[in-house]
N, C-alpha and C. Protein backbone atom coordinates (compact mmCIF):
# COMPACT_ATOMS: atom_id res chain seq x y z
N MET A 1 101.02 -16.21 -169.95
CA MET A 1 101.32 -17.40 -169.17
C MET A 1 100.04 -17.99 -168.58
N THR A 2 99.22 -17.15 -167.95
CA THR A 2 98.02 -17.66 -167.28
C THR A 2 97.08 -18.33 -168.26
N LEU A 3 96.93 -17.79 -169.46
CA LEU A 3 96.01 -18.37 -170.44
C LEU A 3 96.44 -19.77 -170.83
N ALA A 4 97.71 -19.96 -171.08
CA ALA A 4 98.22 -21.30 -171.40
C ALA A 4 98.01 -22.25 -170.22
N LEU A 5 98.20 -21.74 -169.00
CA LEU A 5 97.99 -22.57 -167.82
C LEU A 5 96.53 -22.98 -167.67
N LEU A 6 95.61 -22.11 -168.03
CA LEU A 6 94.19 -22.47 -167.95
C LEU A 6 93.88 -23.65 -168.85
N ILE A 7 94.44 -23.64 -170.05
CA ILE A 7 94.21 -24.76 -170.96
C ILE A 7 94.89 -26.01 -170.41
N LEU A 8 96.08 -25.86 -169.86
CA LEU A 8 96.78 -27.00 -169.25
C LEU A 8 95.95 -27.59 -168.11
N ILE A 9 95.38 -26.75 -167.28
CA ILE A 9 94.60 -27.22 -166.14
C ILE A 9 93.41 -28.05 -166.61
N SER A 10 92.81 -27.69 -167.74
CA SER A 10 91.70 -28.50 -168.26
C SER A 10 92.16 -29.91 -168.59
N MET A 11 93.45 -30.06 -168.90
CA MET A 11 94.02 -31.38 -169.19
C MET A 11 94.02 -32.25 -167.94
N MET A 12 93.87 -31.64 -166.78
CA MET A 12 93.77 -32.39 -165.53
C MET A 12 92.33 -32.48 -165.06
N TRP A 13 91.59 -31.38 -165.15
CA TRP A 13 90.22 -31.36 -164.62
C TRP A 13 89.34 -32.40 -165.30
N ILE A 14 89.41 -32.49 -166.62
CA ILE A 14 88.54 -33.43 -167.33
C ILE A 14 88.89 -34.88 -166.95
N PRO A 15 90.16 -35.30 -166.98
CA PRO A 15 90.44 -36.68 -166.55
C PRO A 15 90.08 -36.96 -165.09
N VAL A 16 90.28 -36.01 -164.21
CA VAL A 16 89.89 -36.24 -162.81
C VAL A 16 88.37 -36.36 -162.71
N GLY A 17 87.66 -35.49 -163.40
CA GLY A 17 86.20 -35.59 -163.40
C GLY A 17 85.74 -36.92 -163.96
N MET A 18 86.31 -37.34 -165.08
CA MET A 18 85.95 -38.62 -165.68
C MET A 18 86.29 -39.79 -164.75
N PHE A 19 87.44 -39.69 -164.07
CA PHE A 19 87.84 -40.74 -163.13
C PHE A 19 86.79 -40.90 -162.03
N PHE A 20 86.34 -39.77 -161.48
CA PHE A 20 85.35 -39.85 -160.40
C PHE A 20 83.95 -40.23 -160.90
N LEU A 21 83.78 -40.23 -162.22
CA LEU A 21 82.54 -40.76 -162.80
C LEU A 21 82.70 -42.23 -163.20
N GLY A 22 83.89 -42.80 -162.94
CA GLY A 22 84.12 -44.22 -163.20
C GLY A 22 84.84 -44.54 -164.48
N ALA A 23 85.32 -43.53 -165.21
CA ALA A 23 86.03 -43.75 -166.46
C ALA A 23 87.48 -43.31 -166.29
N GLY A 24 88.37 -44.26 -166.20
CA GLY A 24 89.78 -43.94 -166.01
C GLY A 24 90.36 -44.76 -164.88
N GLU A 25 91.66 -44.68 -164.74
CA GLU A 25 92.31 -45.41 -163.66
C GLU A 25 93.16 -44.49 -162.82
N VAL A 26 93.42 -44.90 -161.61
CA VAL A 26 93.96 -44.02 -160.58
C VAL A 26 95.38 -43.54 -160.86
N LYS A 27 96.27 -44.42 -161.29
CA LYS A 27 97.68 -44.02 -161.43
C LYS A 27 97.90 -43.01 -162.55
N SER A 28 97.28 -43.21 -163.70
CA SER A 28 97.42 -42.25 -164.80
C SER A 28 96.79 -40.91 -164.44
N THR A 29 95.63 -40.97 -163.76
CA THR A 29 94.98 -39.73 -163.33
C THR A 29 95.84 -39.01 -162.31
N GLY A 30 96.42 -39.75 -161.38
CA GLY A 30 97.32 -39.15 -160.39
C GLY A 30 98.56 -38.56 -161.04
N PHE A 31 99.11 -39.26 -162.03
CA PHE A 31 100.30 -38.77 -162.71
C PHE A 31 100.04 -37.44 -163.41
N VAL A 32 98.97 -37.39 -164.22
CA VAL A 32 98.68 -36.15 -164.95
C VAL A 32 98.37 -35.02 -163.98
N THR A 33 97.75 -35.34 -162.86
CA THR A 33 97.45 -34.33 -161.85
C THR A 33 98.75 -33.78 -161.25
N ALA A 34 99.71 -34.66 -160.99
CA ALA A 34 101.00 -34.22 -160.45
C ALA A 34 101.75 -33.35 -161.45
N VAL A 35 101.77 -33.77 -162.72
CA VAL A 35 102.47 -32.99 -163.75
C VAL A 35 101.85 -31.60 -163.87
N VAL A 36 100.53 -31.54 -163.93
CA VAL A 36 99.86 -30.24 -164.04
C VAL A 36 100.13 -29.40 -162.80
N GLY A 37 100.10 -30.01 -161.61
CA GLY A 37 100.38 -29.28 -160.37
C GLY A 37 101.75 -28.64 -160.38
N VAL A 38 102.75 -29.39 -160.80
CA VAL A 38 104.12 -28.86 -160.84
C VAL A 38 104.22 -27.74 -161.86
N ILE A 39 103.66 -27.94 -163.05
CA ILE A 39 103.75 -26.90 -164.09
C ILE A 39 103.01 -25.63 -163.66
N VAL A 40 101.87 -25.78 -163.00
CA VAL A 40 101.12 -24.61 -162.54
C VAL A 40 101.94 -23.84 -161.49
N ILE A 41 102.61 -24.53 -160.60
CA ILE A 41 103.43 -23.84 -159.59
C ILE A 41 104.62 -23.14 -160.26
N VAL A 42 105.24 -23.79 -161.24
CA VAL A 42 106.33 -23.14 -161.98
C VAL A 42 105.79 -21.91 -162.72
N GLY A 43 104.64 -22.06 -163.37
CA GLY A 43 104.02 -20.94 -164.08
C GLY A 43 103.65 -19.81 -163.14
N ALA A 44 103.14 -20.14 -161.96
CA ALA A 44 102.80 -19.12 -160.97
C ALA A 44 104.05 -18.36 -160.54
N THR A 45 105.15 -19.08 -160.38
CA THR A 45 106.39 -18.44 -159.97
C THR A 45 106.89 -17.49 -161.06
N ILE A 46 106.82 -17.92 -162.30
CA ILE A 46 107.20 -17.04 -163.41
C ILE A 46 106.29 -15.82 -163.44
N GLN A 47 104.98 -16.05 -163.30
CA GLN A 47 104.01 -14.94 -163.28
C GLN A 47 104.33 -13.96 -162.16
N CYS A 48 104.67 -14.49 -161.00
CA CYS A 48 104.95 -13.64 -159.84
C CYS A 48 106.24 -12.84 -160.02
N LEU A 49 107.24 -13.47 -160.58
CA LEU A 49 108.54 -12.80 -160.71
C LEU A 49 108.63 -11.92 -161.94
N VAL A 50 108.09 -12.39 -163.05
CA VAL A 50 108.25 -11.69 -164.32
C VAL A 50 106.98 -10.93 -164.70
N GLY A 51 105.84 -11.56 -164.51
CA GLY A 51 104.58 -10.91 -164.86
C GLY A 51 104.35 -10.87 -166.34
N GLY A 52 103.66 -9.85 -166.75
CA GLY A 52 103.30 -9.72 -168.16
C GLY A 52 103.96 -8.52 -168.78
N PRO A 53 103.19 -7.73 -169.51
CA PRO A 53 103.77 -6.55 -170.17
C PRO A 53 104.46 -5.64 -169.16
N GLY A 54 105.65 -5.24 -169.45
CA GLY A 54 106.41 -4.38 -168.56
C GLY A 54 107.29 -5.17 -167.62
N PHE A 55 107.05 -6.46 -167.50
CA PHE A 55 107.88 -7.35 -166.70
C PHE A 55 108.09 -6.86 -165.27
N THR A 56 107.00 -6.55 -164.59
CA THR A 56 107.10 -6.07 -163.21
C THR A 56 106.72 -7.12 -162.18
N GLY A 57 106.25 -8.24 -162.61
CA GLY A 57 105.78 -9.26 -161.68
C GLY A 57 104.31 -9.08 -161.40
N ASP A 58 103.62 -10.17 -161.15
CA ASP A 58 102.18 -10.12 -160.95
C ASP A 58 101.80 -11.08 -159.83
N ALA A 59 102.00 -10.65 -158.60
CA ALA A 59 101.66 -11.48 -157.45
C ALA A 59 100.16 -11.72 -157.36
N PHE A 60 99.36 -10.73 -157.73
CA PHE A 60 97.90 -10.87 -157.67
C PHE A 60 97.43 -11.98 -158.62
N GLY A 61 97.98 -12.04 -159.80
CA GLY A 61 97.62 -13.10 -160.75
C GLY A 61 98.22 -14.45 -160.39
N ALA A 62 99.37 -14.44 -159.73
CA ALA A 62 100.04 -15.69 -159.38
C ALA A 62 99.43 -16.37 -158.16
N ALA A 63 98.88 -15.62 -157.24
CA ALA A 63 98.39 -16.19 -155.98
C ALA A 63 97.37 -17.32 -156.17
N PRO A 64 96.32 -17.12 -156.98
CA PRO A 64 95.39 -18.24 -157.14
C PRO A 64 96.02 -19.43 -157.87
N LEU A 65 96.97 -19.17 -158.76
CA LEU A 65 97.66 -20.28 -159.41
C LEU A 65 98.43 -21.10 -158.39
N TYR A 66 99.08 -20.43 -157.45
CA TYR A 66 99.81 -21.15 -156.40
C TYR A 66 98.89 -22.05 -155.58
N VAL A 67 97.77 -21.52 -155.10
CA VAL A 67 96.91 -22.34 -154.23
C VAL A 67 96.29 -23.49 -155.02
N PHE A 68 95.93 -23.25 -156.28
CA PHE A 68 95.42 -24.36 -157.09
C PHE A 68 96.51 -25.38 -157.36
N GLY A 69 97.73 -24.92 -157.66
CA GLY A 69 98.83 -25.85 -157.92
C GLY A 69 99.10 -26.76 -156.73
N ILE A 70 99.09 -26.20 -155.54
CA ILE A 70 99.28 -27.01 -154.34
C ILE A 70 98.12 -27.98 -154.16
N LEU A 71 96.89 -27.54 -154.42
CA LEU A 71 95.74 -28.44 -154.33
C LEU A 71 95.88 -29.58 -155.34
N TYR A 72 96.35 -29.29 -156.54
CA TYR A 72 96.53 -30.35 -157.53
C TYR A 72 97.56 -31.37 -157.06
N LEU A 73 98.61 -30.90 -156.39
CA LEU A 73 99.60 -31.84 -155.85
C LEU A 73 99.00 -32.66 -154.72
N GLN A 74 98.11 -32.06 -153.93
CA GLN A 74 97.40 -32.83 -152.90
C GLN A 74 96.54 -33.92 -153.54
N VAL A 75 95.82 -33.56 -154.59
CA VAL A 75 94.98 -34.54 -155.29
C VAL A 75 95.85 -35.66 -155.85
N ALA A 76 96.98 -35.30 -156.46
CA ALA A 76 97.90 -36.30 -157.00
C ALA A 76 98.37 -37.25 -155.90
N HIS A 77 98.72 -36.70 -154.76
CA HIS A 77 99.17 -37.54 -153.64
C HIS A 77 98.05 -38.49 -153.21
N VAL A 78 96.84 -37.97 -153.07
CA VAL A 78 95.70 -38.80 -152.68
C VAL A 78 95.52 -39.96 -153.66
N LEU A 79 95.59 -39.65 -154.94
CA LEU A 79 95.39 -40.69 -155.96
C LEU A 79 96.53 -41.69 -155.99
N LEU A 80 97.76 -41.19 -155.99
CA LEU A 80 98.92 -42.08 -156.13
C LEU A 80 99.23 -42.88 -154.87
N ALA A 81 98.95 -42.31 -153.70
CA ALA A 81 99.25 -43.00 -152.44
C ALA A 81 98.06 -43.79 -151.91
N GLY A 82 96.91 -43.65 -152.55
CA GLY A 82 95.73 -44.39 -152.09
C GLY A 82 95.18 -43.92 -150.76
N VAL A 83 95.30 -42.63 -150.50
CA VAL A 83 94.81 -42.06 -149.25
C VAL A 83 93.29 -42.24 -149.19
N GLU A 84 92.81 -42.74 -148.07
CA GLU A 84 91.37 -42.98 -147.95
C GLU A 84 90.65 -41.91 -147.15
N ASP A 85 91.32 -41.30 -146.19
CA ASP A 85 90.72 -40.21 -145.41
C ASP A 85 91.00 -38.91 -146.17
N LEU A 86 89.98 -38.39 -146.80
CA LEU A 86 90.14 -37.24 -147.69
C LEU A 86 89.96 -35.90 -147.00
N ARG A 87 89.83 -35.89 -145.68
CA ARG A 87 89.56 -34.63 -145.00
C ARG A 87 90.68 -33.61 -145.17
N THR A 88 91.93 -34.03 -145.18
CA THR A 88 93.03 -33.08 -145.38
C THR A 88 92.95 -32.45 -146.77
N LEU A 89 92.60 -33.25 -147.77
CA LEU A 89 92.36 -32.71 -149.11
C LEU A 89 91.21 -31.71 -149.07
N GLY A 90 90.15 -32.05 -148.36
CA GLY A 90 89.02 -31.13 -148.21
C GLY A 90 89.42 -29.83 -147.54
N ASN A 91 90.31 -29.92 -146.56
CA ASN A 91 90.79 -28.71 -145.88
C ASN A 91 91.58 -27.83 -146.85
N GLY A 92 92.39 -28.44 -147.71
CA GLY A 92 93.11 -27.68 -148.74
C GLY A 92 92.15 -27.02 -149.71
N ALA A 93 91.12 -27.76 -150.11
CA ALA A 93 90.11 -27.21 -151.02
C ALA A 93 89.36 -26.06 -150.36
N LEU A 94 89.18 -26.14 -149.04
CA LEU A 94 88.51 -25.04 -148.33
C LEU A 94 89.33 -23.76 -148.40
N VAL A 95 90.63 -23.87 -148.24
CA VAL A 95 91.50 -22.69 -148.36
C VAL A 95 91.40 -22.10 -149.77
N VAL A 96 91.42 -22.97 -150.77
CA VAL A 96 91.30 -22.50 -152.15
C VAL A 96 89.94 -21.83 -152.36
N ALA A 97 88.89 -22.39 -151.77
CA ALA A 97 87.55 -21.79 -151.89
C ALA A 97 87.53 -20.40 -151.28
N ILE A 98 88.20 -20.23 -150.15
CA ILE A 98 88.25 -18.91 -149.50
C ILE A 98 88.98 -17.91 -150.40
N VAL A 99 90.12 -18.32 -150.95
CA VAL A 99 90.87 -17.44 -151.86
C VAL A 99 90.00 -17.09 -153.07
N CYS A 100 89.32 -18.08 -153.63
CA CYS A 100 88.47 -17.83 -154.80
C CYS A 100 87.31 -16.91 -154.46
N ALA A 101 86.74 -17.05 -153.27
CA ALA A 101 85.64 -16.16 -152.87
C ALA A 101 86.13 -14.71 -152.76
N ILE A 102 87.33 -14.53 -152.24
CA ILE A 102 87.91 -13.19 -152.15
C ILE A 102 88.14 -12.61 -153.54
N TYR A 103 88.68 -13.41 -154.45
CA TYR A 103 88.90 -12.95 -155.82
C TYR A 103 87.58 -12.66 -156.52
N THR A 104 86.53 -13.44 -156.22
CA THR A 104 85.21 -13.16 -156.77
C THR A 104 84.77 -11.76 -156.37
N PHE A 105 84.90 -11.47 -155.08
CA PHE A 105 84.52 -10.15 -154.56
C PHE A 105 85.35 -9.05 -155.22
N LEU A 106 86.67 -9.25 -155.31
CA LEU A 106 87.54 -8.22 -155.86
C LEU A 106 87.25 -7.95 -157.33
N TYR A 107 87.03 -9.01 -158.12
CA TYR A 107 86.73 -8.79 -159.54
C TYR A 107 85.32 -8.25 -159.75
N ALA A 108 84.42 -8.50 -158.81
CA ALA A 108 83.06 -7.96 -158.93
C ALA A 108 83.00 -6.49 -158.53
N THR A 109 83.82 -6.10 -157.54
CA THR A 109 83.74 -4.74 -157.01
C THR A 109 84.90 -3.84 -157.42
N GLY A 110 86.02 -4.43 -157.78
CA GLY A 110 87.20 -3.65 -158.11
C GLY A 110 88.07 -3.36 -156.89
N GLY A 111 87.65 -3.81 -155.73
CA GLY A 111 88.46 -3.59 -154.53
C GLY A 111 88.39 -2.15 -154.06
N ALA A 112 89.45 -1.72 -153.44
CA ALA A 112 89.51 -0.37 -152.86
C ALA A 112 89.45 0.71 -153.94
N ILE A 113 88.90 1.84 -153.55
CA ILE A 113 88.81 2.98 -154.47
C ILE A 113 89.97 3.92 -154.18
N LYS A 114 90.71 4.25 -155.22
CA LYS A 114 91.85 5.16 -155.10
C LYS A 114 91.34 6.60 -155.01
N PRO A 115 92.21 7.53 -154.59
CA PRO A 115 91.79 8.94 -154.48
C PRO A 115 91.24 9.54 -155.77
N ASP A 116 91.69 9.02 -156.91
CA ASP A 116 91.20 9.56 -158.18
C ASP A 116 89.85 8.95 -158.60
N GLY A 117 89.29 8.09 -157.75
CA GLY A 117 87.97 7.51 -158.02
C GLY A 117 88.00 6.18 -158.76
N THR A 118 89.17 5.75 -159.23
CA THR A 118 89.27 4.46 -159.90
C THR A 118 89.46 3.36 -158.85
N THR A 119 89.26 2.13 -159.27
CA THR A 119 89.44 1.01 -158.34
C THR A 119 90.84 0.43 -158.47
N MET A 120 91.26 -0.24 -157.44
CA MET A 120 92.60 -0.84 -157.42
C MET A 120 92.72 -1.97 -158.44
N ILE A 121 91.62 -2.68 -158.66
CA ILE A 121 91.59 -3.83 -159.56
C ILE A 121 90.47 -3.58 -160.56
N ALA A 122 90.72 -3.94 -161.80
CA ALA A 122 89.67 -3.78 -162.81
C ALA A 122 88.48 -4.67 -162.48
N LYS A 123 87.28 -4.10 -162.60
CA LYS A 123 86.07 -4.91 -162.46
C LYS A 123 85.93 -5.75 -163.72
N VAL A 124 85.92 -7.06 -163.54
CA VAL A 124 85.82 -7.96 -164.69
C VAL A 124 84.75 -9.00 -164.35
N PRO A 125 83.52 -8.79 -164.85
CA PRO A 125 82.42 -9.69 -164.51
C PRO A 125 82.71 -11.16 -164.80
N TYR A 126 83.35 -11.46 -165.93
CA TYR A 126 83.61 -12.86 -166.25
C TYR A 126 84.58 -13.49 -165.26
N LEU A 127 85.60 -12.74 -164.84
CA LEU A 127 86.53 -13.29 -163.85
C LEU A 127 85.84 -13.47 -162.50
N ALA A 128 84.93 -12.57 -162.17
CA ALA A 128 84.13 -12.75 -160.94
C ALA A 128 83.30 -14.03 -161.06
N PHE A 129 82.69 -14.25 -162.22
CA PHE A 129 81.93 -15.47 -162.47
C PHE A 129 82.83 -16.70 -162.35
N MET A 130 84.01 -16.65 -162.99
CA MET A 130 84.92 -17.79 -162.93
C MET A 130 85.31 -18.12 -161.50
N PHE A 131 85.75 -17.11 -160.76
CA PHE A 131 86.17 -17.38 -159.39
C PHE A 131 85.00 -17.79 -158.51
N GLY A 132 83.81 -17.29 -158.81
CA GLY A 132 82.62 -17.73 -158.07
C GLY A 132 82.34 -19.21 -158.30
N THR A 133 82.46 -19.64 -159.57
CA THR A 133 82.24 -21.06 -159.85
C THR A 133 83.36 -21.92 -159.28
N PHE A 134 84.59 -21.39 -159.26
CA PHE A 134 85.69 -22.13 -158.64
C PHE A 134 85.43 -22.29 -157.14
N THR A 135 84.83 -21.27 -156.53
CA THR A 135 84.47 -21.36 -155.10
C THR A 135 83.49 -22.50 -154.89
N VAL A 136 82.46 -22.57 -155.72
CA VAL A 136 81.47 -23.64 -155.61
C VAL A 136 82.13 -25.00 -155.84
N LEU A 137 82.99 -25.09 -156.84
CA LEU A 137 83.70 -26.34 -157.12
C LEU A 137 84.50 -26.79 -155.89
N CYS A 138 85.27 -25.88 -155.33
CA CYS A 138 86.11 -26.23 -154.17
C CYS A 138 85.25 -26.62 -152.97
N LEU A 139 84.13 -25.93 -152.77
CA LEU A 139 83.24 -26.30 -151.67
C LEU A 139 82.62 -27.68 -151.91
N SER A 140 82.38 -28.03 -153.17
CA SER A 140 81.87 -29.38 -153.45
C SER A 140 82.94 -30.43 -153.15
N VAL A 141 84.20 -30.10 -153.38
CA VAL A 141 85.29 -31.01 -153.03
C VAL A 141 85.35 -31.18 -151.51
N VAL A 142 85.17 -30.09 -150.79
CA VAL A 142 85.14 -30.17 -149.32
C VAL A 142 84.00 -31.09 -148.89
N GLY A 143 82.82 -30.88 -149.45
CA GLY A 143 81.67 -31.71 -149.10
C GLY A 143 81.91 -33.17 -149.41
N GLN A 144 82.53 -33.45 -150.54
CA GLN A 144 82.82 -34.83 -150.92
C GLN A 144 83.89 -35.42 -149.99
N ALA A 145 84.91 -34.64 -149.67
CA ALA A 145 85.99 -35.13 -148.81
C ALA A 145 85.49 -35.47 -147.41
N TYR A 146 84.51 -34.75 -146.95
CA TYR A 146 83.94 -35.00 -145.62
C TYR A 146 82.73 -35.94 -145.67
N GLY A 147 82.46 -36.53 -146.83
CA GLY A 147 81.40 -37.52 -146.96
C GLY A 147 80.00 -36.95 -146.95
N LYS A 148 79.85 -35.66 -147.20
CA LYS A 148 78.53 -35.03 -147.18
C LYS A 148 77.82 -35.09 -148.53
N ILE A 149 78.60 -35.21 -149.61
CA ILE A 149 78.02 -35.35 -150.95
C ILE A 149 78.82 -36.42 -151.70
N GLY A 150 78.23 -36.94 -152.76
CA GLY A 150 78.92 -37.93 -153.58
C GLY A 150 79.95 -37.29 -154.49
N ALA A 151 80.71 -38.13 -155.16
CA ALA A 151 81.77 -37.66 -156.04
C ALA A 151 81.25 -37.15 -157.38
N LYS A 152 80.00 -37.44 -157.72
CA LYS A 152 79.48 -37.04 -159.04
C LYS A 152 79.36 -35.53 -159.19
N LEU A 153 78.96 -34.82 -158.15
CA LEU A 153 78.82 -33.36 -158.27
C LEU A 153 80.16 -32.70 -158.57
N PRO A 154 81.21 -32.91 -157.77
CA PRO A 154 82.50 -32.30 -158.14
C PRO A 154 83.01 -32.80 -159.49
N ALA A 155 82.74 -34.06 -159.82
CA ALA A 155 83.19 -34.60 -161.11
C ALA A 155 82.56 -33.83 -162.27
N TRP A 156 81.26 -33.66 -162.23
CA TRP A 156 80.58 -32.92 -163.31
C TRP A 156 80.98 -31.45 -163.32
N LEU A 157 81.17 -30.87 -162.14
CA LEU A 157 81.62 -29.47 -162.10
C LEU A 157 82.98 -29.33 -162.76
N LEU A 158 83.90 -30.26 -162.49
CA LEU A 158 85.22 -30.22 -163.12
C LEU A 158 85.11 -30.26 -164.64
N ILE A 159 84.27 -31.13 -165.15
CA ILE A 159 84.13 -31.28 -166.60
C ILE A 159 83.49 -30.03 -167.21
N ILE A 160 82.38 -29.60 -166.65
CA ILE A 160 81.67 -28.44 -167.20
C ILE A 160 82.51 -27.17 -167.10
N LEU A 161 83.12 -26.96 -165.93
CA LEU A 161 83.92 -25.74 -165.74
C LEU A 161 85.21 -25.75 -166.55
N SER A 162 85.67 -26.92 -166.95
CA SER A 162 86.83 -26.98 -167.85
C SER A 162 86.55 -26.22 -169.14
N PHE A 163 85.32 -26.34 -169.61
CA PHE A 163 84.95 -25.66 -170.85
C PHE A 163 84.55 -24.20 -170.61
N THR A 164 83.73 -23.95 -169.58
CA THR A 164 83.20 -22.60 -169.37
C THR A 164 84.17 -21.65 -168.69
N CYS A 165 85.08 -22.18 -167.88
CA CYS A 165 85.94 -21.30 -167.08
C CYS A 165 87.44 -21.49 -167.33
N LEU A 166 87.80 -22.42 -168.17
CA LEU A 166 89.21 -22.58 -168.51
C LEU A 166 89.43 -22.42 -170.01
N ILE A 167 88.85 -23.31 -170.79
CA ILE A 167 89.11 -23.32 -172.23
C ILE A 167 88.48 -22.11 -172.93
N ALA A 168 87.19 -21.85 -172.69
CA ALA A 168 86.50 -20.74 -173.38
C ALA A 168 87.15 -19.38 -173.12
N PRO A 169 87.43 -19.01 -171.86
CA PRO A 169 88.04 -17.68 -171.68
C PRO A 169 89.47 -17.62 -172.21
N ALA A 170 90.24 -18.70 -172.08
CA ALA A 170 91.62 -18.68 -172.57
C ALA A 170 91.65 -18.54 -174.08
N ILE A 171 90.87 -19.34 -174.76
CA ILE A 171 90.83 -19.25 -176.23
C ILE A 171 90.24 -17.91 -176.65
N GLY A 172 89.20 -17.47 -175.95
CA GLY A 172 88.58 -16.18 -176.27
C GLY A 172 89.57 -15.04 -176.21
N LEU A 173 90.38 -15.03 -175.16
CA LEU A 173 91.37 -13.96 -175.03
C LEU A 173 92.50 -14.10 -176.04
N MET A 174 92.96 -15.32 -176.26
CA MET A 174 94.09 -15.51 -177.18
C MET A 174 93.67 -15.29 -178.64
N ALA A 175 92.48 -15.77 -179.02
CA ALA A 175 92.08 -15.70 -180.42
C ALA A 175 91.29 -14.45 -180.78
N TYR A 176 90.54 -13.90 -179.81
CA TYR A 176 89.66 -12.78 -180.11
C TYR A 176 89.92 -11.54 -179.25
N GLY A 177 90.78 -11.69 -178.24
CA GLY A 177 91.10 -10.54 -177.39
C GLY A 177 90.02 -10.15 -176.42
N LYS A 178 89.07 -11.07 -176.15
CA LYS A 178 88.01 -10.72 -175.20
C LYS A 178 87.51 -11.97 -174.50
N LEU A 179 86.89 -11.72 -173.35
CA LEU A 179 86.26 -12.77 -172.58
C LEU A 179 84.84 -13.00 -173.11
N PRO A 180 84.25 -14.17 -172.81
CA PRO A 180 82.89 -14.43 -173.30
C PRO A 180 81.86 -13.37 -172.90
N PHE A 181 81.97 -12.77 -171.71
CA PHE A 181 81.14 -11.62 -171.32
C PHE A 181 81.87 -10.80 -170.30
């Protein structure tokens, strides 16, 4: 489920990035953002309730999907309603950045060590990299929302990270069974 959602999310990130670079129009960008937001929240719910192999549910995997899905709906609202004060959107992006920073730490360290010496979460360097870059992306959205940086930085990050952190790992896992590193 998550891999398909990563590819779906790129269907929103690239148009939003292009829109903030001046290519695209607000209503279509807002619409696709809303559709992706709703599907990501539905996918997160399925992930949380059903999970993957063994069908036990995966709240750990669903949590970041939920916060991103809500952020996408915030972005859709901003675009479709013509909201000019973006600070509330920035505040939502800050929460997502905090969640992503925590996931970066957990995937880099493995979290708590169990009595048998193994970690609670598998150490996955690529996922730590992905969540680290998502943290930077969200912080750039915060900076843009508060008028501290221009829209070009988050726009380019959305486009570049669509390939490096959404499409490449999803296709890599589905087609080859491994992450890029």
